[in-house]
PDB file of N, CA and C in Angstrom:
ATOM      1  N   MET A   1     -13.419 -20.417 -36.608  1.00  0.00           N
ATOM      2  CA  MET A   1     -12.045 -20.213 -36.201  1.00  0.00           C
ATOM      3  C   MET A   1     -11.803 -18.777 -35.763  1.00  0.00           C
ATOM      4  N   GLY A   2     -12.598 -17.833 -36.274  1.00  0.00           N
ATOM      5  CA  GLY A   2     -12.427 -16.424 -35.936  1.00  0.00           C
ATOM      6  C   GLY A   2     -12.766 -16.132 -34.485  1.00  0.00           C
ATOM      7  N   ILE A   3     -13.814 -16.802 -33.969  1.00  0.00           N
ATOM      8  CA  ILE A   3     -14.210 -16.594 -32.577  1.00  0.00           C
ATOM      9  C   ILE A   3     -13.124 -17.113 -31.653  1.00  0.00           C
ATOM     10  N   PHE A   4     -12.495 -18.231 -32.015  1.00  0.00           N
ATOM     11  CA  PHE A   4     -11.422 -18.795 -31.191  1.00  0.00           C
ATOM     12  C   PHE A   4     -10.276 -17.809 -31.045  1.00  0.00           C
ATOM     13  N   PHE A   5      -9.810 -17.238 -32.141  1.00  0.00           N
ATOM     14  CA  PHE A   5      -8.678 -16.321 -32.081  1.00  0.00           C
ATOM     15  C   PHE A   5      -9.056 -15.013 -31.391  1.00  0.00           C
ATOM     16  N   GLN A   6     -10.284 -14.578 -31.563  1.00  0.00           N
ATOM     17  CA  GLN A   6     -10.737 -13.368 -30.879  1.00  0.00           C
ATOM     18  C   GLN A   6     -10.776 -13.601 -29.361  1.00  0.00           C
ATOM     19  N   THR A   7     -11.281 -14.747 -28.957  1.00  0.00           N
ATOM     20  CA  THR A   7     -11.320 -15.092 -27.537  1.00  0.00           C
ATOM     21  C   THR A   7      -9.912 -15.253 -26.993  1.00  0.00           C
ATOM     22  N   LEU A   8      -9.040 -15.928 -27.740  1.00  0.00           N
ATOM     23  CA  LEU A   8      -7.657 -16.109 -27.315  1.00  0.00           C
ATOM     24  C   LEU A   8      -6.964 -14.757 -27.155  1.00  0.00           C
ATOM     25  N   ARG A   9      -7.179 -13.849 -28.091  1.00  0.00           N
ATOM     26  CA  ARG A   9      -6.576 -12.527 -28.014  1.00  0.00           C
ATOM     27  C   ARG A   9      -7.097 -11.768 -26.789  1.00  0.00           C
ATOM     28  N   THR A  10      -8.378 -11.887 -26.498  1.00  0.00           N
ATOM     29  CA  THR A  10      -8.962 -11.214 -25.337  1.00  0.00           C
ATOM     30  C   THR A  10      -8.388 -11.773 -24.042  1.00  0.00           C
ATOM     31  N   VAL A  11      -8.290 -13.095 -23.966  1.00  0.00           N
ATOM     32  CA  VAL A  11      -7.759 -13.728 -22.751  1.00  0.00           C
ATOM     33  C   VAL A  11      -6.297 -13.361 -22.550  1.00  0.00           C
ATOM     34  N   ILE A  12      -5.497 -13.432 -23.584  1.00  0.00           N
ATOM     35  CA  ILE A  12      -4.078 -13.102 -23.470  1.00  0.00           C
ATOM     36  C   ILE A  12      -3.909 -11.617 -23.139  1.00  0.00           C
ATOM     37  N   GLY A  13      -4.676 -10.765 -23.803  1.00  0.00           N
ATOM     38  CA  GLY A  13      -4.598  -9.335 -23.515  1.00  0.00           C
ATOM     39  C   GLY A  13      -4.987  -9.022 -22.084  1.00  0.00           C
ATOM     40  N   SER A  14      -6.045  -9.641 -21.614  1.00  0.00           N
ATOM     41  CA  SER A  14      -6.487  -9.430 -20.240  1.00  0.00           C
ATOM     42  C   SER A  14      -5.434  -9.919 -19.246  1.00  0.00           C
ATOM     43  N   THR A  15      -4.815 -11.063 -19.544  1.00  0.00           N
ATOM     44  CA  THR A  15      -3.782 -11.604 -18.665  1.00  0.00           C
ATOM     45  C   THR A  15      -2.572 -10.684 -18.614  1.00  0.00           C
ATOM     46  N   VAL A  16      -2.155 -10.158 -19.751  1.00  0.00           N
ATOM     47  CA  VAL A  16      -1.009  -9.254 -19.786  1.00  0.00           C
ATOM     48  C   VAL A  16      -1.317  -7.969 -19.023  1.00  0.00           C
ATOM     49  N   VAL A  17      -2.511  -7.416 -19.226  1.00  0.00           N
ATOM     50  CA  VAL A  17      -2.898  -6.196 -18.523  1.00  0.00           C
ATOM     51  C   VAL A  17      -2.949  -6.444 -17.012  1.00  0.00           C
ATOM     52  N   ASP A  18      -3.536  -7.565 -16.599  1.00  0.00           N
ATOM     53  CA  ASP A  18      -3.579  -7.887 -15.168  1.00  0.00           C
ATOM     54  C   ASP A  18      -2.180  -8.068 -14.600  1.00  0.00           C
ATOM     55  N   PHE A  19      -1.300  -8.714 -15.348  1.00  0.00           N
ATOM     56  CA  PHE A  19       0.071  -8.923 -14.892  1.00  0.00           C
ATOM     57  C   PHE A  19       0.794  -7.589 -14.710  1.00  0.00           C
ATOM     58  N   LEU A  20       0.591  -6.672 -15.628  1.00  0.00           N
ATOM     59  CA  LEU A  20       1.257  -5.373 -15.527  1.00  0.00           C
ATOM     60  C   LEU A  20       0.597  -4.477 -14.479  1.00  0.00           C
ATOM     61  N   TYR A  21      -0.687  -4.646 -14.218  1.00  0.00           N
ATOM     62  CA  TYR A  21      -1.394  -3.808 -13.259  1.00  0.00           C
ATOM     63  C   TYR A  21      -1.186  -4.267 -11.817  1.00  0.00           C
ATOM     64  N   THR A  22      -0.815  -5.520 -11.610  1.00  0.00           N
ATOM     65  CA  THR A  22      -0.689  -6.066 -10.261  1.00  0.00           C
ATOM     66  C   THR A  22       0.238  -5.250  -9.365  1.00  0.00           C
ATOM     67  N   PRO A  23       1.447  -4.872  -9.793  1.00  0.00           N
ATOM     68  CA  PRO A  23       2.290  -4.069  -8.894  1.00  0.00           C
ATOM     69  C   PRO A  23       1.680  -2.705  -8.560  1.00  0.00           C
ATOM     70  N   ILE A  24       0.989  -2.114  -9.514  1.00  0.00           N
ATOM     71  CA  ILE A  24       0.345  -0.827  -9.252  1.00  0.00           C
ATOM     72  C   ILE A  24      -0.750  -1.008  -8.209  1.00  0.00           C
ATOM     73  N   TRP A  25      -1.562  -2.049  -8.359  1.00  0.00           N
ATOM     74  CA  TRP A  25      -2.616  -2.327  -7.388  1.00  0.00           C
ATOM     75  C   TRP A  25      -2.022  -2.642  -6.019  1.00  0.00           C
ATOM     76  N   TRP A  26      -0.936  -3.429  -6.001  1.00  0.00           N
ATOM     77  CA  TRP A  26      -0.327  -3.884  -4.749  1.00  0.00           C
ATOM     78  C   TRP A  26       0.086  -2.713  -3.877  1.00  0.00           C
ATOM     79  N   TYR A  27       0.679  -1.691  -4.507  1.00  0.00           N
ATOM     80  CA  TYR A  27       1.188  -0.556  -3.741  1.00  0.00           C
ATOM     81  C   TYR A  27       0.203   0.602  -3.659  1.00  0.00           C
ATOM     82  N   SER A  28      -0.993   0.484  -4.219  1.00  0.00           N
ATOM     83  CA  SER A  28      -1.978   1.556  -4.103  1.00  0.00           C
ATOM     84  C   SER A  28      -3.225   1.029  -3.378  1.00  0.00           C
ATOM     85  N   ARG A  29      -4.158   0.462  -4.133  1.00  0.00           N
ATOM     86  CA  ARG A  29      -5.401  -0.020  -3.525  1.00  0.00           C
ATOM     87  C   ARG A  29      -5.174  -1.169  -2.556  1.00  0.00           C
ATOM     88  N   GLY A  30      -4.300  -2.076  -2.920  1.00  0.00           N
ATOM     89  CA  GLY A  30      -4.027  -3.215  -2.043  1.00  0.00           C
ATOM     90  C   GLY A  30      -3.407  -2.776  -0.727  1.00  0.00           C
ATOM     91  N   LEU A  31      -2.452  -1.846  -0.797  1.00  0.00           N
ATOM     92  CA  LEU A  31      -1.820  -1.332   0.420  1.00  0.00           C
ATOM     93  C   LEU A  31      -2.829  -0.580   1.267  1.00  0.00           C
ATOM     94  N   TRP A  32      -3.680   0.235   0.638  1.00  0.00           N
ATOM     95  CA  TRP A  32      -4.703   0.965   1.383  1.00  0.00           C
ATOM     96  C   TRP A  32      -5.661   0.002   2.086  1.00  0.00           C
ATOM     97  N   LYS A  33      -6.019  -1.081   1.398  1.00  0.00           N
ATOM     98  CA  LYS A  33      -6.905  -2.079   1.991  1.00  0.00           C
ATOM     99  C   LYS A  33      -6.233  -2.753   3.191  1.00  0.00           C
ATOM    100  N   GLN A  34      -4.955  -3.055   3.062  1.00  0.00           N
ATOM    101  CA  GLN A  34      -4.219  -3.654   4.170  1.00  0.00           C
ATOM    102  C   GLN A  34      -4.107  -2.695   5.351  1.00  0.00           C
ATOM    103  N   LEU A  35      -3.839  -1.428   5.077  1.00  0.00           N
ATOM    104  CA  LEU A  35      -3.727  -0.438   6.152  1.00  0.00           C
ATOM    105  C   LEU A  35      -5.051  -0.275   6.894  1.00  0.00           C
ATOM    106  N   LYS A  36      -6.158  -0.277   6.152  1.00  0.00           N
ATOM    107  CA  LYS A  36      -7.467  -0.189   6.808  1.00  0.00           C
ATOM    108  C   LYS A  36      -7.735  -1.433   7.656  1.00  0.00           C
ATOM    109  N   GLY A  37      -7.348  -2.592   7.142  1.00  0.00           N
ATOM    110  CA  GLY A  37      -7.528  -3.820   7.915  1.00  0.00           C
ATOM    111  C   GLY A  37      -6.675  -3.851   9.169  1.00  0.00           C
ATOM    112  N   VAL A  38      -5.437  -3.385   9.063  1.00  0.00           N
ATOM    113  CA  VAL A  38      -4.541  -3.338  10.219  1.00  0.00           C
ATOM    114  C   VAL A  38      -5.077  -2.347  11.257  1.00  0.00           C
ATOM    115  N   ALA A  39      -5.540  -1.191  10.802  1.00  0.00           N
ATOM    116  CA  ALA A  39      -6.099  -0.205  11.734  1.00  0.00           C
ATOM    117  C   ALA A  39      -7.333  -0.772  12.434  1.00  0.00           C
ATOM    118  N   GLY A  40      -8.195  -1.449  11.682  1.00  0.00           N
ATOM    119  CA  GLY A  40      -9.376  -2.060  12.284  1.00  0.00           C
ATOM    120  C   GLY A  40      -9.014  -3.140  13.284  1.00  0.00           C
ATOM    121  N   SER A  41      -7.996  -3.919  12.972  1.00  0.00           N
ATOM    122  CA  SER A  41      -7.549  -4.965  13.877  1.00  0.00           C
ATOM    123  C   SER A  41      -6.981  -4.371  15.165  1.00  0.00           C
ATOM    124  N   PHE A  42      -6.229  -3.274  15.030  1.00  0.00           N
ATOM    125  CA  PHE A  42      -5.663  -2.625  16.211  1.00  0.00           C
ATOM    126  C   PHE A  42      -6.770  -2.067  17.105  1.00  0.00           C
ATOM    127  N   VAL A  43      -7.753  -1.417  16.489  1.00  0.00           N
ATOM    128  CA  VAL A  43      -8.870  -0.850  17.268  1.00  0.00           C
ATOM    129  C   VAL A  43      -9.667  -1.962  17.946  1.00  0.00           C
ATOM    130  N   ALA A  44      -9.891  -3.062  17.239  1.00  0.00           N
ATOM    131  CA  ALA A  44     -10.626  -4.184  17.826  1.00  0.00           C
ATOM    132  C   ALA A  44      -9.863  -4.781  19.003  1.00  0.00           C
ATOM    133  N   ARG A  45      -8.541  -4.905  18.872  1.00  0.00           N
ATOM    134  CA  ARG A  45      -7.728  -5.441  19.971  1.00  0.00           C
ATOM    135  C   ARG A  45      -7.727  -4.473  21.152  1.00  0.00           C
ATOM    136  N   GLN A  46      -7.667  -3.179  20.854  1.00  0.00           N
ATOM    137  CA  GLN A  46      -7.708  -2.174  21.907  1.00  0.00           C
ATOM    138  C   GLN A  46      -9.048  -2.223  22.644  1.00  0.00           C
ATOM    139  N   ASP A  47     -10.119  -2.390  21.904  1.00  0.00           N
ATOM    140  CA  ASP A  47     -11.440  -2.515  22.534  1.00  0.00           C
ATOM    141  C   ASP A  47     -11.536  -3.788  23.362  1.00  0.00           C
ATOM    142  N   ALA A  48     -10.967  -4.872  22.867  1.00  0.00           N
ATOM    143  CA  ALA A  48     -11.037  -6.143  23.588  1.00  0.00           C
ATOM    144  C   ALA A  48     -10.236  -6.087  24.893  1.00  0.00           C
ATOM    145  N   LEU A  49      -9.113  -5.405  24.861  1.00  0.00           N
ATOM    146  CA  LEU A  49      -8.288  -5.305  26.072  1.00  0.00           C
ATOM    147  C   LEU A  49      -8.844  -4.283  27.065  1.00  0.00           C
ATOM    148  N   ALA A  50      -9.608  -3.325  26.588  1.00  0.00           N
ATOM    149  CA  ALA A  50     -10.319  -2.341  27.419  1.00  0.00           C
ATOM    150  C   ALA A  50      -9.408  -1.627  28.412  1.00  0.00           C
ATOM    151  N   ILE A  51      -8.265  -1.179  27.929  1.00  0.00           N
ATOM    152  CA  ILE A  51      -7.325  -0.482  28.808  1.00  0.00           C
ATOM    153  C   ILE A  51      -7.941   0.809  29.335  1.00  0.00           C
ATOM    154  N   ASP A  52      -8.737   1.480  28.541  1.00  0.00           N
ATOM    155  CA  ASP A  52      -9.360   2.726  28.985  1.00  0.00           C
ATOM    156  C   ASP A  52     -10.308   2.499  30.165  1.00  0.00           C
ATOM    157  N   VAL A  53     -10.996   1.365  30.184  1.00  0.00           N
ATOM    158  CA  VAL A  53     -11.889   1.048  31.301  1.00  0.00           C
ATOM    159  C   VAL A  53     -11.069   0.792  32.561  1.00  0.00           C
ATOM    160  N   TRP A  54      -9.960   0.081  32.409  1.00  0.00           N
ATOM    161  CA  TRP A  54      -9.104  -0.186  33.559  1.00  0.00           C
ATOM    162  C   TRP A  54      -8.509   1.109  34.107  1.00  0.00           C
ATOM    163  N   LEU A  55      -8.134   2.025  33.212  1.00  0.00           N
ATOM    164  CA  LEU A  55      -7.595   3.313  33.661  1.00  0.00           C
ATOM    165  C   LEU A  55      -8.657   4.141  34.382  1.00  0.00           C
ATOM    166  N   LYS A  56      -9.871   4.112  33.849  1.00  0.00           N
ATOM    167  CA  LYS A  56     -10.960   4.883  34.455  1.00  0.00           C
ATOM    168  C   LYS A  56     -11.251   4.399  35.874  1.00  0.00           C
ATOM    169  N   ASN A  57     -11.117   3.111  36.115  1.00  0.00           N
ATOM    170  CA  ASN A  57     -11.432   2.531  37.424  1.00  0.00           C
ATOM    171  C   ASN A  57     -10.198   2.258  38.278  1.00  0.00           C
ATOM    172  N   LEU A  58      -9.083   2.880  37.957  1.00  0.00           N
ATOM    173  CA  LEU A  58      -7.827   2.602  38.661  1.00  0.00           C
ATOM    174  C   LEU A  58      -7.946   2.885  40.161  1.00  0.00           C
ATOM    175  N   PHE A  59      -8.613   3.958  40.534  1.00  0.00           N
ATOM    176  CA  PHE A  59      -8.690   4.333  41.949  1.00  0.00           C
ATOM    177  C   PHE A  59      -9.998   3.913  42.616  1.00  0.00           C
ATOM    178  N   VAL A  60     -10.812   3.126  41.926  1.00  0.00           N
ATOM    179  CA  VAL A  60     -12.060   2.626  42.504  1.00  0.00           C
ATOM    180  C   VAL A  60     -11.758   1.306  43.203  1.00  0.00           C
ATOM    181  N   PRO A  61     -12.092   1.193  44.487  1.00  0.00           N
ATOM    182  CA  PRO A  61     -11.801  -0.069  45.185  1.00  0.00           C
ATOM    183  C   PRO A  61     -12.657  -1.226  44.666  1.00  0.00           C
ATOM    184  N   MET A  62     -12.045  -2.389  44.614  1.00  0.00           N
ATOM    185  CA  MET A  62     -12.759  -3.582  44.141  1.00  0.00           C
ATOM    186  C   MET A  62     -13.596  -4.158  45.281  1.00  0.00           C
ATOM    187  N   TYR A  63     -14.697  -4.765  44.913  1.00  0.00           N
ATOM    188  CA  TYR A  63     -15.585  -5.493  45.829  1.00  0.00           C
ATOM    189  C   TYR A  63     -16.106  -4.603  46.956  1.00  0.00           C
ATOM    190  N   GLY A  64     -16.099  -3.281  46.757  1.00  0.00           N
ATOM    191  CA  GLY A  64     -16.653  -2.371  47.757  1.00  0.00           C
ATOM    192  C   GLY A  64     -15.837  -2.293  49.033  1.00  0.00           C
ATOM    193  N   GLN A  65     -14.579  -2.674  48.993  1.00  0.00           N
ATOM    194  CA  GLN A  65     -13.727  -2.600  50.181  1.00  0.00           C
ATOM    195  C   GLN A  65     -13.061  -1.227  50.200  1.00  0.00           C
ATOM    196  N   TYR A  66     -13.586  -0.362  51.038  1.00  0.00           N
ATOM    197  CA  TYR A  66     -13.118   1.013  51.068  1.00  0.00           C
ATOM    198  C   TYR A  66     -12.043   1.255  52.115  1.00  0.00           C
ATOM    199  N   ASP A  67     -11.574   0.223  52.802  1.00  0.00           N
ATOM    200  CA  ASP A  67     -10.479   0.427  53.755  1.00  0.00           C
ATOM    201  C   ASP A  67      -9.167   0.590  52.999  1.00  0.00           C
ATOM    202  N   ILE A  68      -8.122   0.985  53.670  1.00  0.00           N
ATOM    203  CA  ILE A  68      -6.839   1.295  53.027  1.00  0.00           C
ATOM    204  C   ILE A  68      -6.222   0.068  52.361  1.00  0.00           C
ATOM    205  N   VAL A  69      -6.343  -1.085  52.980  1.00  0.00           N
ATOM    206  CA  VAL A  69      -5.771  -2.314  52.407  1.00  0.00           C
ATOM    207  C   VAL A  69      -6.523  -2.690  51.128  1.00  0.00           C
ATOM    208  N   GLY A  70      -7.835  -2.598  51.167  1.00  0.00           N
ATOM    209  CA  GLY A  70      -8.632  -2.895  49.968  1.00  0.00           C
ATOM    210  C   GLY A  70      -8.313  -1.943  48.832  1.00  0.00           C
ATOM    211  N   ARG A  71      -8.133  -0.668  49.158  1.00  0.00           N
ATOM    212  CA  ARG A  71      -7.781   0.315  48.122  1.00  0.00           C
ATOM    213  C   ARG A  71      -6.400   0.049  47.543  1.00  0.00           C
ATOM    214  N   LEU A  72      -5.418  -0.303  48.383  1.00  0.00           N
ATOM    215  CA  LEU A  72      -4.062  -0.581  47.897  1.00  0.00           C
ATOM    216  C   LEU A  72      -4.031  -1.828  47.017  1.00  0.00           C
ATOM    217  N   ILE A  73      -4.703  -2.875  47.477  1.00  0.00           N
ATOM    218  CA  ILE A  73      -4.740  -4.111  46.689  1.00  0.00           C
ATOM    219  C   ILE A  73      -5.422  -3.849  45.347  1.00  0.00           C
ATOM    220  N   SER A  74      -6.539  -3.141  45.368  1.00  0.00           N
ATOM    221  CA  SER A  74      -7.258  -2.830  44.131  1.00  0.00           C
ATOM    222  C   SER A  74      -6.393  -2.004  43.181  1.00  0.00           C
ATOM    223  N   PHE A  75      -5.711  -0.998  43.726  1.00  0.00           N
ATOM    224  CA  PHE A  75      -4.871  -0.144  42.896  1.00  0.00           C
ATOM    225  C   PHE A  75      -3.764  -0.945  42.214  1.00  0.00           C
ATOM    226  N   PHE A  76      -3.033  -1.752  42.976  1.00  0.00           N
ATOM    227  CA  PHE A  76      -1.911  -2.486  42.396  1.00  0.00           C
ATOM    228  C   PHE A  76      -2.360  -3.625  41.470  1.00  0.00           C
ATOM    229  N   MET A  77      -3.487  -4.238  41.758  1.00  0.00           N
ATOM    230  CA  MET A  77      -4.002  -5.268  40.850  1.00  0.00           C
ATOM    231  C   MET A  77      -4.409  -4.646  39.509  1.00  0.00           C
ATOM    232  N   ARG A  78      -5.098  -3.508  39.592  1.00  0.00           N
ATOM    233  CA  ARG A  78      -5.493  -2.841  38.352  1.00  0.00           C
ATOM    234  C   ARG A  78      -4.282  -2.301  37.610  1.00  0.00           C
ATOM    235  N   LEU A  79      -3.304  -1.802  38.333  1.00  0.00           N
ATOM    236  CA  LEU A  79      -2.085  -1.316  37.689  1.00  0.00           C
ATOM    237  C   LEU A  79      -1.368  -2.458  36.965  1.00  0.00           C
ATOM    238  N   ALA A  80      -1.311  -3.630  37.582  1.00  0.00           N
ATOM    239  CA  ALA A  80      -0.701  -4.794  36.932  1.00  0.00           C
ATOM    240  C   ALA A  80      -1.491  -5.185  35.686  1.00  0.00           C
ATOM    241  N   GLN A  81      -2.805  -5.128  35.772  1.00  0.00           N
ATOM    242  CA  GLN A  81      -3.641  -5.429  34.605  1.00  0.00           C
ATOM    243  C   GLN A  81      -3.385  -4.436  33.473  1.00  0.00           C
ATOM    244  N   ILE A  82      -3.277  -3.167  33.806  1.00  0.00           N
ATOM    245  CA  ILE A  82      -3.044  -2.137  32.790  1.00  0.00           C
ATOM    246  C   ILE A  82      -1.699  -2.356  32.114  1.00  0.00           C
ATOM    247  N   VAL A  83      -0.669  -2.616  32.912  1.00  0.00           N
ATOM    248  CA  VAL A  83       0.671  -2.835  32.343  1.00  0.00           C
ATOM    249  C   VAL A  83       0.675  -4.082  31.458  1.00  0.00           C
ATOM    250  N   GLY A  84       0.086  -5.170  31.935  1.00  0.00           N
ATOM    251  CA  GLY A  84       0.044  -6.405  31.141  1.00  0.00           C
ATOM    252  C   GLY A  84      -0.731  -6.238  29.845  1.00  0.00           C
ATOM    253  N   ARG A  85      -1.855  -5.563  29.918  1.00  0.00           N
ATOM    254  CA  ARG A  85      -2.661  -5.343  28.719  1.00  0.00           C
ATOM    255  C   ARG A  85      -1.980  -4.384  27.755  1.00  0.00           C
ATOM    256  N   ALA A  86      -1.275  -3.394  28.290  1.00  0.00           N
ATOM    257  CA  ALA A  86      -0.530  -2.475  27.417  1.00  0.00           C
ATOM    258  C   ALA A  86       0.599  -3.214  26.699  1.00  0.00           C
ATOM    259  N   ILE A  87       1.263  -4.112  27.395  1.00  0.00           N
ATOM    260  CA  ILE A  87       2.314  -4.913  26.756  1.00  0.00           C
ATOM    261  C   ILE A  87       1.711  -5.791  25.659  1.00  0.00           C
ATOM    262  N   ALA A  88       0.564  -6.390  25.932  1.00  0.00           N
ATOM    263  CA  ALA A  88      -0.104  -7.215  24.918  1.00  0.00           C
ATOM    264  C   ALA A  88      -0.477  -6.368  23.698  1.00  0.00           C
ATOM    265  N   LEU A  89      -0.952  -5.154  23.920  1.00  0.00           N
ATOM    266  CA  LEU A  89      -1.320  -4.273  22.807  1.00  0.00           C
ATOM    267  C   LEU A  89      -0.084  -3.848  22.008  1.00  0.00           C
ATOM    268  N   ILE A  90       1.018  -3.609  22.680  1.00  0.00           N
ATOM    269  CA  ILE A  90       2.264  -3.243  21.988  1.00  0.00           C
ATOM    270  C   ILE A  90       2.767  -4.409  21.146  1.00  0.00           C
ATOM    271  N   ILE A  91       2.690  -5.622  21.682  1.00  0.00           N
ATOM    272  CA  ILE A  91       3.108  -6.802  20.916  1.00  0.00           C
ATOM    273  C   ILE A  91       2.205  -6.981  19.696  1.00  0.00           C
ATOM    274  N   TRP A  92       0.905  -6.772  19.868  1.00  0.00           N
ATOM    275  CA  TRP A  92      -0.028  -6.881  18.735  1.00  0.00           C
ATOM    276  C   TRP A  92       0.293  -5.831  17.673  1.00  0.00           C
ATOM    277  N   ALA A  93       0.596  -4.613  18.114  1.00  0.00           N
ATOM    278  CA  ALA A  93       0.951  -3.541  17.176  1.00  0.00           C
ATOM    279  C   ALA A  93       2.235  -3.887  16.431  1.00  0.00           C
ATOM    280  N   ALA A  94       3.188  -4.530  17.107  1.00  0.00           N
ATOM    281  CA  ALA A  94       4.434  -4.940  16.441  1.00  0.00           C
ATOM    282  C   ALA A  94       4.148  -5.984  15.367  1.00  0.00           C
ATOM    283  N   PHE A  95       3.267  -6.945  15.663  1.00  0.00           N
ATOM    284  CA  PHE A  95       2.893  -7.939  14.655  1.00  0.00           C
ATOM    285  C   PHE A  95       2.222  -7.284  13.456  1.00  0.00           C
ATOM    286  N   LEU A  96       1.355  -6.313  13.716  1.00  0.00           N
ATOM    287  CA  LEU A  96       0.679  -5.612  12.622  1.00  0.00           C
ATOM    288  C   LEU A  96       1.680  -4.815  11.781  1.00  0.00           C
ATOM    289  N   LEU A  97       2.659  -4.209  12.433  1.00  0.00           N
ATOM    290  CA  LEU A  97       3.697  -3.486  11.705  1.00  0.00           C
ATOM    291  C   LEU A  97       4.519  -4.439  10.840  1.00  0.00           C
ATOM    292  N   LEU A  98       4.839  -5.609  11.378  1.00  0.00           N
ATOM    293  CA  LEU A  98       5.554  -6.614  10.585  1.00  0.00           C
ATOM    294  C   LEU A  98       4.715  -7.071   9.396  1.00  0.00           C
ATOM    295  N   TRP A  99       3.406  -7.160   9.585  1.00  0.00           N
ATOM    296  CA  TRP A  99       2.507  -7.536   8.489  1.00  0.00           C
ATOM    297  C   TRP A  99       2.614  -6.525   7.350  1.00  0.00           C
ATOM    298  N   ILE A 100       2.572  -5.232   7.671  1.00  0.00           N
ATOM    299  CA  ILE A 100       2.642  -4.187   6.646  1.00  0.00           C
ATOM    300  C   ILE A 100       4.018  -4.195   5.977  1.00  0.00           C
ATOM    301  N   ILE A 101       5.070  -4.356   6.757  1.00  0.00           N
ATOM    302  CA  ILE A 101       6.420  -4.418   6.175  1.00  0.00           C
ATOM    303  C   ILE A 101       6.518  -5.625   5.238  1.00  0.00           C
ATOM    304  N   GLY A 102       5.976  -6.761   5.660  1.00  0.00           N
ATOM    305  CA  GLY A 102       5.958  -7.942   4.798  1.00  0.00           C
ATOM    306  C   GLY A 102       5.181  -7.687   3.518  1.00  0.00           C
ATOM    307  N   TRP A 103       4.040  -7.009   3.625  1.00  0.00           N
ATOM    308  CA  TRP A 103       3.229  -6.676   2.448  1.00  0.00           C
ATOM    309  C   TRP A 103       4.042  -5.832   1.464  1.00  0.00           C
ATOM    310  N   LEU A 104       4.808  -4.904   1.993  1.00  0.00           N
ATOM    311  CA  LEU A 104       5.606  -4.035   1.126  1.00  0.00           C
ATOM    312  C   LEU A 104       6.783  -4.774   0.480  1.00  0.00           C
ATOM    313  N   LEU A 105       7.309  -5.781   1.157  1.00  0.00           N
ATOM    314  CA  LEU A 105       8.506  -6.467   0.664  1.00  0.00           C
ATOM    315  C   LEU A 105       8.227  -7.683  -0.209  1.00  0.00           C
ATOM    316  N   ILE A 106       7.021  -8.203  -0.182  1.00  0.00           N
ATOM    317  CA  ILE A 106       6.721  -9.428  -0.941  1.00  0.00           C
ATOM    318  C   ILE A 106       7.006  -9.284  -2.433  1.00  0.00           C
ATOM    319  N   PRO A 107       6.562  -8.221  -3.125  1.00  0.00           N
ATOM    320  CA  PRO A 107       6.868  -8.116  -4.556  1.00  0.00           C
ATOM    321  C   PRO A 107       8.369  -7.992  -4.838  1.00  0.00           C
ATOM    322  N   ALA A 108       9.080  -7.246  -4.000  1.00  0.00           N
ATOM    323  CA  ALA A 108      10.520  -7.111  -4.197  1.00  0.00           C
ATOM    324  C   ALA A 108      11.216  -8.457  -3.991  1.00  0.00           C
ATOM    325  N   ALA A 109      10.796  -9.201  -2.988  1.00  0.00           N
ATOM    326  CA  ALA A 109      11.388 -10.518  -2.745  1.00  0.00           C
ATOM    327  C   ALA A 109      11.070 -11.472  -3.892  1.00  0.00           C
ATOM    328  N   ALA A 110       9.853 -11.422  -4.395  1.00  0.00           N
ATOM    329  CA  ALA A 110       9.482 -12.282  -5.519  1.00  0.00           C
ATOM    330  C   ALA A 110      10.294 -11.926  -6.763  1.00  0.00           C
ATOM    331  N   ALA A 111      10.470 -10.640  -7.018  1.00  0.00           N
ATOM    332  CA  ALA A 111      11.264 -10.215  -8.177  1.00  0.00           C
ATOM    333  C   ALA A 111      12.710 -10.646  -8.022  1.00  0.00           C
ATOM    334  N   TYR A 112      13.252 -10.520  -6.819  1.00  0.00           N
ATOM    335  CA  TYR A 112      14.638 -10.936  -6.571  1.00  0.00           C
ATOM    336  C   TYR A 112      14.802 -12.439  -6.784  1.00  0.00           C
ATOM    337  N   LEU A 113      13.883 -13.220  -6.235  1.00  0.00           N
ATOM    338  CA  LEU A 113      13.979 -14.678  -6.383  1.00  0.00           C
ATOM    339  C   LEU A 113      13.779 -15.112  -7.828  1.00  0.00           C
ATOM    340  N   LEU A 114      12.883 -14.444  -8.546  1.00  0.00           N
ATOM    341  CA  LEU A 114      12.690 -14.741  -9.962  1.00  0.00           C
ATOM    342  C   LEU A 114      13.950 -14.413 -10.749  1.00  0.00           C
ATOM    343  N   ASP A 115      14.567 -13.275 -10.449  1.00  0.00           N
ATOM    344  CA  ASP A 115      15.811 -12.895 -11.115  1.00  0.00           C
ATOM    345  C   ASP A 115      16.925 -13.898 -10.811  1.00  0.00           C
ATOM    346  N   ALA A 116      16.998 -14.331  -9.578  1.00  0.00           N
ATOM    347  CA  ALA A 116      18.024 -15.318  -9.201  1.00  0.00           C
ATOM    348  C   ALA A 116      17.824 -16.629  -9.961  1.00  0.00           C
ATOM    349  N   GLN A 117      16.583 -17.066 -10.123  1.00  0.00           N
ATOM    350  CA  GLN A 117      16.300 -18.283 -10.865  1.00  0.00           C
ATOM    351  C   GLN A 117      16.652 -18.144 -12.340  1.00  0.00           C
ATOM    352  N   ILE A 118      16.326 -16.995 -12.894  1.00  0.00           N
ATOM    353  CA  ILE A 118      16.639 -16.766 -14.303  1.00  0.00           C
ATOM    354  C   ILE A 118      18.144 -16.738 -14.522  1.00  0.00           C
ATOM    355  N   MET A 119      18.860 -16.096 -13.608  1.00  0.00           N
ATOM    356  CA  MET A 119      20.313 -16.010 -13.743  1.00  0.00           C
ATOM    357  C   MET A 119      20.978 -17.382 -13.554  1.00  0.00           C
ATOM    358  N   ASN A 120      20.411 -18.206 -12.700  1.00  0.00           N
ATOM    359  CA  ASN A 120      20.944 -19.573 -12.550  1.00  0.00           C
ATOM    360  C   ASN A 120      20.678 -20.421 -13.776  1.00  0.00           C
ATOM    361  N   PHE A 121      19.590 -20.124 -14.476  1.00  0.00           N
ATOM    362  CA  PHE A 121      19.219 -20.875 -15.666  1.00  0.00           C
ATOM    363  C   PHE A 121      20.122 -20.508 -16.850  1.00  0.00           C
ATOM    364  N   ILE A 122      20.516 -19.245 -16.906  1.00  0.00           N
ATOM    365  CA  ILE A 122      21.318 -18.774 -18.061  1.00  0.00           C
ATOM    366  C   ILE A 122      22.726 -19.222 -17.966  1.00  0.00           C
TER     367      ILE A 122
END
């Protein structure tokens, strides 16, 4: 019977410690992990969209057409690509920002909803 109570005490103690440590982890290590993931996601999206490559080749004519019409068409097509890709990157950055804001608000929302339930019960 002694091993049972010792194990029960260890499990309950560990659960209480984990419960109390969760908010500290959420706003320290957990937040840092999320920020690193968001930064990595932004860099990966930026690499996938390759806006820097499009900017580097903005004045290079496409398909080797060096006449004025070929240069104008190439310039405006690449400019449209740059603008469209920049808009896509801005939208992605907005989603990532919403993700971080959501991460920060989840514990507060959970505490508020738990408090509301307790107050309705009383």
